[in-house]
PDB file of N, CA and C in Angstrom:
ATOM      1  N   MET A   1     -16.466 -29.271   6.435  1.00  0.00           N
ATOM      2  CA  MET A   1     -16.728 -29.344   4.848  1.00  0.00           C
ATOM      3  C   MET A   1     -17.523 -27.829   5.157  1.00  0.00           C
ATOM      4  N   LYS A   2     -17.027 -27.188   3.921  1.00  0.00           N
ATOM      5  CA  LYS A   2     -17.426 -25.375   3.708  1.00  0.00           C
ATOM      6  C   LYS A   2     -18.360 -25.216   3.081  1.00  0.00           C
ATOM      7  N   PHE A   3     -19.393 -24.503   3.463  1.00  0.00           N
ATOM      8  CA  PHE A   3     -20.485 -23.607   2.347  1.00  0.00           C
ATOM      9  C   PHE A   3     -20.785 -22.490   3.015  1.00  0.00           C
ATOM     10  N   GLN A   4     -21.588 -22.213   1.729  1.00  0.00           N
ATOM     11  CA  GLN A   4     -21.647 -20.462   1.550  1.00  0.00           C
ATOM     12  C   GLN A   4     -23.210 -19.803   1.753  1.00  0.00           C
ATOM     13  N   ILE A   5     -23.393 -19.217   2.601  1.00  0.00           N
ATOM     14  CA  ILE A   5     -25.185 -19.265   2.901  1.00  0.00           C
ATOM     15  C   ILE A   5     -25.162 -18.366   1.665  1.00  0.00           C
ATOM     16  N   GLU A   6     -26.535 -18.974   0.947  1.00  0.00           N
ATOM     17  CA  GLU A   6     -27.338 -17.886   0.184  1.00  0.00           C
ATOM     18  C   GLU A   6     -28.313 -17.347   0.414  1.00  0.00           C
ATOM     19  N   TYR A   7     -28.857 -18.027   1.377  1.00  0.00           N
ATOM     20  CA  TYR A   7     -30.196 -17.339   2.091  1.00  0.00           C
ATOM     21  C   TYR A   7     -30.469 -17.641   3.600  1.00  0.00           C
ATOM     22  N   ILE A   8     -31.009 -16.396   4.120  1.00  0.00           N
ATOM     23  CA  ILE A   8     -31.771 -16.656   5.751  1.00  0.00           C
ATOM     24  C   ILE A   8     -32.597 -16.317   5.982  1.00  0.00           C
ATOM     25  N   ALA A   9     -33.912 -17.488   6.143  1.00  0.00           N
ATOM     26  CA  ALA A   9     -34.958 -16.848   6.309  1.00  0.00           C
ATOM     27  C   ALA A   9     -35.560 -16.308   7.888  1.00  0.00           C
ATOM     28  N   LYS A  10     -35.219 -15.024   7.859  1.00  0.00           N
ATOM     29  CA  LYS A  10     -35.369 -14.511   9.307  1.00  0.00           C
ATOM     30  C   LYS A  10     -36.727 -14.234   9.898  1.00  0.00           C
ATOM     31  N   GLU A  11     -37.674 -14.702   8.969  1.00  0.00           N
ATOM     32  CA  GLU A  11     -39.198 -14.434   9.363  1.00  0.00           C
ATOM     33  C   GLU A  11     -39.724 -15.607   9.671  1.00  0.00           C
ATOM     34  N   MET A  12     -39.360 -16.580   9.331  1.00  0.00           N
ATOM     35  CA  MET A  12     -39.925 -17.708   9.289  1.00  0.00           C
ATOM     36  C   MET A  12     -39.367 -18.476  10.920  1.00  0.00           C
ATOM     37  N   ARG A  13     -40.128 -19.085  11.385  1.00  0.00           N
ATOM     38  CA  ARG A  13     -40.075 -19.977  12.278  1.00  0.00           C
ATOM     39  C   ARG A  13     -40.455 -21.396  12.199  1.00  0.00           C
ATOM     40  N   PRO A  14     -39.427 -22.491  12.284  1.00  0.00           N
ATOM     41  CA  PRO A  14     -38.160 -22.477  12.755  1.00  0.00           C
ATOM     42  C   PRO A  14     -37.436 -21.501  11.714  1.00  0.00           C
ATOM     43  N   ALA A  15     -36.145 -21.173  12.215  1.00  0.00           N
ATOM     44  CA  ALA A  15     -35.722 -20.655  11.334  1.00  0.00           C
ATOM     45  C   ALA A  15     -34.494 -21.487  10.838  1.00  0.00           C
ATOM     46  N   TYR A  16     -34.393 -20.806   9.312  1.00  0.00           N
ATOM     47  CA  TYR A  16     -33.441 -21.789   8.277  1.00  0.00           C
ATOM     48  C   TYR A  16     -32.711 -20.982   7.542  1.00  0.00           C
ATOM     49  N   LEU A  17     -31.765 -21.529   6.665  1.00  0.00           N
ATOM     50  CA  LEU A  17     -31.013 -20.887   5.918  1.00  0.00           C
ATOM     51  C   LEU A  17     -30.877 -21.946   4.616  1.00  0.00           C
ATOM     52  N   LEU A  18     -30.522 -21.322   3.619  1.00  0.00           N
ATOM     53  CA  LEU A  18     -29.516 -22.260   2.406  1.00  0.00           C
ATOM     54  C   LEU A  18     -28.354 -21.763   2.352  1.00  0.00           C
ATOM     55  N   ALA A  19     -27.637 -23.157   2.071  1.00  0.00           N
ATOM     56  CA  ALA A  19     -26.357 -23.005   2.164  1.00  0.00           C
ATOM     57  C   ALA A  19     -25.735 -23.939   0.902  1.00  0.00           C
ATOM     58  N   ARG A  20     -24.850 -23.526  -0.212  1.00  0.00           N
ATOM     59  CA  ARG A  20     -24.065 -24.407  -1.109  1.00  0.00           C
ATOM     60  C   ARG A  20     -23.173 -25.249  -0.415  1.00  0.00           C
ATOM     61  N   GLN A  21     -22.959 -26.141  -0.600  1.00  0.00           N
ATOM     62  CA  GLN A  21     -21.528 -26.760  -0.462  1.00  0.00           C
ATOM     63  C   GLN A  21     -20.541 -26.667  -1.217  1.00  0.00           C
ATOM     64  N   LEU A  22     -19.252 -26.148  -1.027  1.00  0.00           N
ATOM     65  CA  LEU A  22     -18.116 -25.791  -1.770  1.00  0.00           C
ATOM     66  C   LEU A  22     -17.364 -26.882  -1.829  1.00  0.00           C
ATOM     67  N   GLU A  23     -17.167 -28.040  -1.266  1.00  0.00           N
ATOM     68  CA  GLU A  23     -16.290 -29.132  -1.383  1.00  0.00           C
ATOM     69  C   GLU A  23     -16.953 -29.966  -1.533  1.00  0.00           C
ATOM     70  N   PRO A  24     -16.605 -31.025  -2.691  1.00  0.00           N
ATOM     71  CA  PRO A  24     -17.068 -32.394  -2.755  1.00  0.00           C
ATOM     72  C   PRO A  24     -16.920 -33.306  -1.662  1.00  0.00           C
ATOM     73  N   GLY A  25     -17.919 -34.160  -1.698  1.00  0.00           N
ATOM     74  CA  GLY A  25     -17.909 -35.017  -0.656  1.00  0.00           C
ATOM     75  C   GLY A  25     -19.394 -35.361   0.167  1.00  0.00           C
ATOM     76  N   ASN A  26     -19.404 -36.339   0.879  1.00  0.00           N
ATOM     77  CA  ASN A  26     -20.607 -36.603   1.828  1.00  0.00           C
ATOM     78  C   ASN A  26     -20.569 -35.926   3.384  1.00  0.00           C
ATOM     79  N   PHE A  27     -21.459 -35.762   3.489  1.00  0.00           N
ATOM     80  CA  PHE A  27     -21.346 -34.953   4.923  1.00  0.00           C
ATOM     81  C   PHE A  27     -22.704 -35.590   5.749  1.00  0.00           C
ATOM     82  N   PHE A  28     -22.539 -35.311   6.949  1.00  0.00           N
ATOM     83  CA  PHE A  28     -24.247 -36.097   7.895  1.00  0.00           C
ATOM     84  C   PHE A  28     -23.995 -34.946   8.842  1.00  0.00           C
ATOM     85  N   VAL A  29     -25.340 -35.093   9.469  1.00  0.00           N
ATOM     86  CA  VAL A  29     -25.496 -34.133  10.615  1.00  0.00           C
ATOM     87  C   VAL A  29     -26.295 -34.897  11.574  1.00  0.00           C
ATOM     88  N   SER A  30     -25.301 -34.448  12.998  1.00  0.00           N
ATOM     89  CA  SER A  30     -25.778 -35.172  14.173  1.00  0.00           C
ATOM     90  C   SER A  30     -26.586 -34.304  15.214  1.00  0.00           C
ATOM     91  N   GLU A  31     -27.040 -34.758  16.298  1.00  0.00           N
ATOM     92  CA  GLU A  31     -27.692 -33.476  17.345  1.00  0.00           C
ATOM     93  C   GLU A  31     -26.735 -32.818  17.900  1.00  0.00           C
ATOM     94  N   ARG A  32     -25.378 -33.170  17.331  1.00  0.00           N
ATOM     95  CA  ARG A  32     -24.260 -32.137  17.776  1.00  0.00           C
ATOM     96  C   ARG A  32     -23.798 -31.106  16.923  1.00  0.00           C
ATOM     97  N   SER A  33     -24.375 -31.244  15.905  1.00  0.00           N
ATOM     98  CA  SER A  33     -23.515 -30.371  14.640  1.00  0.00           C
ATOM     99  C   SER A  33     -24.010 -29.120  14.943  1.00  0.00           C
ATOM    100  N   ARG A  34     -23.060 -28.412  13.944  1.00  0.00           N
ATOM    101  CA  ARG A  34     -22.874 -26.670  14.310  1.00  0.00           C
ATOM    102  C   ARG A  34     -22.671 -26.330  12.693  1.00  0.00           C
ATOM    103  N   LEU A  35     -23.364 -25.411  12.599  1.00  0.00           N
ATOM    104  CA  LEU A  35     -22.707 -24.899  11.026  1.00  0.00           C
ATOM    105  C   LEU A  35     -22.405 -23.355  11.415  1.00  0.00           C
ATOM    106  N   GLY A  36     -20.907 -22.969  11.023  1.00  0.00           N
ATOM    107  CA  GLY A  36     -20.452 -21.437  11.540  1.00  0.00           C
ATOM    108  C   GLY A  36     -20.493 -21.299  13.215  1.00  0.00           C
ATOM    109  N   GLY A  37     -20.551 -22.637  13.820  1.00  0.00           N
ATOM    110  CA  GLY A  37     -20.294 -22.285  15.342  1.00  0.00           C
ATOM    111  C   GLY A  37     -21.997 -22.268  15.791  1.00  0.00           C
ATOM    112  N   VAL A  38     -22.758 -22.133  14.669  1.00  0.00           N
ATOM    113  CA  VAL A  38     -24.415 -22.496  15.647  1.00  0.00           C
ATOM    114  C   VAL A  38     -24.466 -23.654  15.255  1.00  0.00           C
ATOM    115  N   ALA A  39     -25.852 -23.980  16.572  1.00  0.00           N
ATOM    116  CA  ALA A  39     -25.987 -25.069  16.639  1.00  0.00           C
ATOM    117  C   ALA A  39     -27.089 -25.459  15.883  1.00  0.00           C
ATOM    118  N   ILE A  40     -27.443 -26.527  14.790  1.00  0.00           N
ATOM    119  CA  ILE A  40     -28.466 -26.886  13.960  1.00  0.00           C
ATOM    120  C   ILE A  40     -29.078 -27.951  14.301  1.00  0.00           C
ATOM    121  N   ARG A  41     -30.409 -28.444  13.960  1.00  0.00           N
ATOM    122  CA  ARG A  41     -30.981 -29.420  13.439  1.00  0.00           C
ATOM    123  C   ARG A  41     -30.549 -30.850  12.820  1.00  0.00           C
ATOM    124  N   ARG A  42     -31.318 -31.558  13.115  1.00  0.00           N
ATOM    125  CA  ARG A  42     -30.730 -32.969  12.507  1.00  0.00           C
ATOM    126  C   ARG A  42     -30.980 -33.030  11.382  1.00  0.00           C
ATOM    127  N   PHE A  43     -32.326 -32.436  10.847  1.00  0.00           N
ATOM    128  CA  PHE A  43     -33.164 -32.660   9.449  1.00  0.00           C
ATOM    129  C   PHE A  43     -32.104 -31.586   8.747  1.00  0.00           C
ATOM    130  N   VAL A  44     -32.206 -32.424   7.575  1.00  0.00           N
ATOM    131  CA  VAL A  44     -31.327 -30.929   6.398  1.00  0.00           C
ATOM    132  C   VAL A  44     -32.288 -31.743   4.917  1.00  0.00           C
ATOM    133  N   SER A  45     -32.385 -30.766   4.126  1.00  0.00           N
ATOM    134  CA  SER A  45     -33.141 -31.035   2.982  1.00  0.00           C
ATOM    135  C   SER A  45     -32.556 -30.203   1.866  1.00  0.00           C
ATOM    136  N   GLN A  46     -33.012 -30.627   0.950  1.00  0.00           N
ATOM    137  CA  GLN A  46     -32.329 -29.930  -0.400  1.00  0.00           C
ATOM    138  C   GLN A  46     -34.003 -29.163  -1.470  1.00  0.00           C
ATOM    139  N   PRO A  47     -33.460 -28.146  -1.318  1.00  0.00           N
ATOM    140  CA  PRO A  47     -34.920 -27.245  -2.190  1.00  0.00           C
ATOM    141  C   PRO A  47     -34.455 -27.518  -3.309  1.00  0.00           C
ATOM    142  N   ARG A  48     -35.578 -27.149  -4.157  1.00  0.00           N
ATOM    143  CA  ARG A  48     -35.826 -27.298  -5.407  1.00  0.00           C
ATOM    144  C   ARG A  48     -35.252 -26.351  -6.028  1.00  0.00           C
ATOM    145  N   LYS A  49     -34.058 -26.278  -6.178  1.00  0.00           N
ATOM    146  CA  LYS A  49     -33.363 -24.828  -6.695  1.00  0.00           C
ATOM    147  C   LYS A  49     -32.778 -25.372  -8.410  1.00  0.00           C
ATOM    148  N   LEU A  50     -32.781 -24.657  -9.226  1.00  0.00           N
ATOM    149  CA  LEU A  50     -31.956 -24.745 -10.620  1.00  0.00           C
ATOM    150  C   LEU A  50     -31.150 -24.122 -10.856  1.00  0.00           C
ATOM    151  N   THR A  51     -29.795 -24.941 -11.782  1.00  0.00           N
ATOM    152  CA  THR A  51     -28.745 -24.211 -12.042  1.00  0.00           C
ATOM    153  C   THR A  51     -28.940 -23.254 -13.657  1.00  0.00           C
ATOM    154  N   ALA A  52     -28.267 -22.470 -13.899  1.00  0.00           N
ATOM    155  CA  ALA A  52     -28.843 -21.628 -15.177  1.00  0.00           C
ATOM    156  C   ALA A  52     -28.658 -22.410 -16.190  1.00  0.00           C
ATOM    157  N   ALA A  53     -28.397 -23.869 -16.320  1.00  0.00           N
ATOM    158  CA  ALA A  53     -29.028 -24.649 -17.187  1.00  0.00           C
ATOM    159  C   ALA A  53     -30.589 -25.103 -17.206  1.00  0.00           C
ATOM    160  N   ARG A  54     -31.221 -24.954 -15.959  1.00  0.00           N
ATOM    161  CA  ARG A  54     -32.190 -25.452 -15.391  1.00  0.00           C
ATOM    162  C   ARG A  54     -31.972 -27.027 -14.893  1.00  0.00           C
ATOM    163  N   GLU A  55     -31.059 -27.351 -14.583  1.00  0.00           N
ATOM    164  CA  GLU A  55     -31.180 -28.898 -14.240  1.00  0.00           C
ATOM    165  C   GLU A  55     -31.042 -28.589 -12.510  1.00  0.00           C
ATOM    166  N   PRO A  56     -31.574 -29.630 -11.900  1.00  0.00           N
ATOM    167  CA  PRO A  56     -31.735 -29.243 -10.513  1.00  0.00           C
ATOM    168  C   PRO A  56     -30.287 -28.936  -9.794  1.00  0.00           C
ATOM    169  N   ASP A  57     -30.202 -28.028  -8.701  1.00  0.00           N
ATOM    170  CA  ASP A  57     -29.112 -27.539  -8.351  1.00  0.00           C
ATOM    171  C   ASP A  57     -29.026 -28.432  -6.889  1.00  0.00           C
ATOM    172  N   LEU A  58     -27.723 -29.643  -7.029  1.00  0.00           N
ATOM    173  CA  LEU A  58     -27.802 -30.927  -6.074  1.00  0.00           C
ATOM    174  C   LEU A  58     -26.741 -30.511  -5.140  1.00  0.00           C
ATOM    175  N   THR A  59     -26.160 -28.995  -4.911  1.00  0.00           N
ATOM    176  CA  THR A  59     -25.095 -28.424  -4.077  1.00  0.00           C
ATOM    177  C   THR A  59     -25.722 -27.648  -2.907  1.00  0.00           C
ATOM    178  N   VAL A  60     -26.928 -27.354  -3.154  1.00  0.00           N
ATOM    179  CA  VAL A  60     -27.693 -26.365  -1.997  1.00  0.00           C
ATOM    180  C   VAL A  60     -28.790 -27.292  -1.161  1.00  0.00           C
ATOM    181  N   PHE A  61     -28.544 -26.821   0.085  1.00  0.00           N
ATOM    182  CA  PHE A  61     -29.124 -27.673   1.103  1.00  0.00           C
ATOM    183  C   PHE A  61     -29.530 -26.641   2.195  1.00  0.00           C
ATOM    184  N   ALA A  62     -30.533 -26.873   2.720  1.00  0.00           N
ATOM    185  CA  ALA A  62     -31.666 -26.105   3.882  1.00  0.00           C
ATOM    186  C   ALA A  62     -31.349 -26.666   5.307  1.00  0.00           C
ATOM    187  N   PHE A  63     -30.878 -25.731   6.076  1.00  0.00           N
ATOM    188  CA  PHE A  63     -30.463 -26.159   7.183  1.00  0.00           C
ATOM    189  C   PHE A  63     -31.166 -25.367   8.396  1.00  0.00           C
ATOM    190  N   THR A  64     -31.676 -26.052   9.181  1.00  0.00           N
ATOM    191  CA  THR A  64     -32.489 -25.467  10.229  1.00  0.00           C
ATOM    192  C   THR A  64     -31.670 -25.260  11.318  1.00  0.00           C
ATOM    193  N   LEU A  65     -32.053 -23.794  11.911  1.00  0.00           N
ATOM    194  CA  LEU A  65     -31.435 -23.389  13.103  1.00  0.00           C
ATOM    195  C   LEU A  65     -31.608 -24.302  13.960  1.00  0.00           C
ATOM    196  N   ALA A  66     -31.147 -24.444  15.604  1.00  0.00           N
ATOM    197  CA  ALA A  66     -31.984 -24.965  16.768  1.00  0.00           C
ATOM    198  C   ALA A  66     -32.259 -23.804  17.257  1.00  0.00           C
ATOM    199  N   SER A  67     -31.791 -22.581  17.096  1.00  0.00           N
ATOM    200  CA  SER A  67     -32.398 -21.349  17.882  1.00  0.00           C
ATOM    201  C   SER A  67     -32.612 -20.160  16.986  1.00  0.00           C
ATOM    202  N   ALA A  68     -33.622 -19.740  16.970  1.00  0.00           N
ATOM    203  CA  ALA A  68     -33.658 -18.356  15.882  1.00  0.00           C
ATOM    204  C   ALA A  68     -33.037 -17.255  16.404  1.00  0.00           C
ATOM    205  N   ASN A  69     -32.665 -17.410  17.730  1.00  0.00           N
ATOM    206  CA  ASN A  69     -31.631 -16.324  18.262  1.00  0.00           C
ATOM    207  C   ASN A  69     -30.034 -16.198  17.905  1.00  0.00           C
ATOM    208  N   ASP A  70     -29.753 -17.292  16.985  1.00  0.00           N
ATOM    209  CA  ASP A  70     -28.473 -17.441  16.642  1.00  0.00           C
ATOM    210  C   ASP A  70     -28.504 -16.757  15.130  1.00  0.00           C
ATOM    211  N   LEU A  71     -29.717 -16.064  14.595  1.00  0.00           N
ATOM    212  CA  LEU A  71     -29.945 -15.781  13.381  1.00  0.00           C
ATOM    213  C   LEU A  71     -28.712 -14.654  13.074  1.00  0.00           C
ATOM    214  N   SER A  72     -28.465 -13.809  14.203  1.00  0.00           N
ATOM    215  CA  SER A  72     -27.661 -12.768  13.905  1.00  0.00           C
ATOM    216  C   SER A  72     -26.076 -12.977  13.855  1.00  0.00           C
ATOM    217  N   SER A  73     -25.557 -14.295  13.944  1.00  0.00           N
ATOM    218  CA  SER A  73     -24.457 -14.737  13.772  1.00  0.00           C
ATOM    219  C   SER A  73     -24.177 -14.968  12.533  1.00  0.00           C
ATOM    220  N   LEU A  74     -24.840 -15.306  11.649  1.00  0.00           N
ATOM    221  CA  LEU A  74     -24.800 -15.646  10.225  1.00  0.00           C
ATOM    222  C   LEU A  74     -25.184 -14.812   9.196  1.00  0.00           C
ATOM    223  N   LYS A  75     -24.850 -14.458   8.170  1.00  0.00           N
ATOM    224  CA  LYS A  75     -24.633 -13.301   6.980  1.00  0.00           C
ATOM    225  C   LYS A  75     -25.205 -13.983   5.489  1.00  0.00           C
ATOM    226  N   VAL A  76     -25.510 -13.499   4.905  1.00  0.00           N
ATOM    227  CA  VAL A  76     -25.600 -14.478   3.449  1.00  0.00           C
ATOM    228  C   VAL A  76     -24.655 -13.885   2.944  1.00  0.00           C
ATOM    229  N   GLY A  77     -23.634 -14.778   2.193  1.00  0.00           N
ATOM    230  CA  GLY A  77     -22.283 -14.394   1.599  1.00  0.00           C
ATOM    231  C   GLY A  77     -21.282 -15.224   2.280  1.00  0.00           C
ATOM    232  N   GLN A  78     -21.759 -15.372   3.671  1.00  0.00           N
ATOM    233  CA  GLN A  78     -20.612 -16.179   4.275  1.00  0.00           C
ATOM    234  C   GLN A  78     -20.197 -17.366   3.899  1.00  0.00           C
ATOM    235  N   ILE A  79     -18.722 -17.453   4.332  1.00  0.00           N
ATOM    236  CA  ILE A  79     -18.460 -19.094   4.498  1.00  0.00           C
ATOM    237  C   ILE A  79     -18.292 -19.615   5.649  1.00  0.00           C
ATOM    238  N   VAL A  80     -18.980 -20.408   5.794  1.00  0.00           N
ATOM    239  CA  VAL A  80     -18.853 -21.606   7.022  1.00  0.00           C
ATOM    240  C   VAL A  80     -18.651 -23.024   7.112  1.00  0.00           C
ATOM    241  N   GLU A  81     -18.033 -23.231   8.141  1.00  0.00           N
ATOM    242  CA  GLU A  81     -17.799 -24.400   8.097  1.00  0.00           C
ATOM    243  C   GLU A  81     -18.553 -25.509   9.027  1.00  0.00           C
ATOM    244  N   LEU A  82     -19.154 -26.733   8.403  1.00  0.00           N
ATOM    245  CA  LEU A  82     -19.926 -27.619   9.330  1.00  0.00           C
ATOM    246  C   LEU A  82     -19.216 -28.533  10.149  1.00  0.00           C
ATOM    247  N   ASP A  83     -19.344 -28.544  11.485  1.00  0.00           N
ATOM    248  CA  ASP A  83     -18.717 -29.688  12.267  1.00  0.00           C
ATOM    249  C   ASP A  83     -20.022 -30.191  12.393  1.00  0.00           C
ATOM    250  N   GLU A  84     -19.795 -31.718  11.682  1.00  0.00           N
ATOM    251  CA  GLU A  84     -20.276 -32.714  11.909  1.00  0.00           C
ATOM    252  C   GLU A  84     -20.810 -33.374  13.221  1.00  0.00           C
ATOM    253  N   GLY A  85     -20.538 -33.118  14.425  1.00  0.00           N
ATOM    254  CA  GLY A  85     -20.281 -33.754  15.584  1.00  0.00           C
ATOM    255  C   GLY A  85     -20.216 -35.221  15.573  1.00  0.00           C
ATOM    256  N   SER A  86     -20.727 -35.966  16.438  1.00  0.00           N
ATOM    257  CA  SER A  86     -20.732 -37.557  16.620  1.00  0.00           C
ATOM    258  C   SER A  86     -22.183 -37.990  15.673  1.00  0.00           C
ATOM    259  N   ALA A  87     -21.377 -39.187  14.944  1.00  0.00           N
ATOM    260  CA  ALA A  87     -22.557 -40.017  14.194  1.00  0.00           C
ATOM    261  C   ALA A  87     -23.626 -40.390  15.105  1.00  0.00           C
ATOM    262  N   GLU A  88     -23.191 -40.665  16.211  1.00  0.00           N
ATOM    263  CA  GLU A  88     -24.082 -41.395  17.695  1.00  0.00           C
ATOM    264  C   GLU A  88     -25.370 -40.782  17.564  1.00  0.00           C
TER     265      GLU A  88
END
């Protein structure tokens, strides 16, 4: 599943980013999941973001990085692949 990074919270800990889902469908995040090759935590949330029509934007998700040391590997605007890992 592809995502486009829209925002990276570089000063916050734990480090997180907002990414837009580019392909329709469901996804899951496991302890082995990676986003753009970077390990992410199992927790995913949807921020309160609105579309231009002032409707909830249900294609944007917040991903928490497993390590803030990986921040330099990701850039705003970058299209990344979510490797879901195992569902175990």
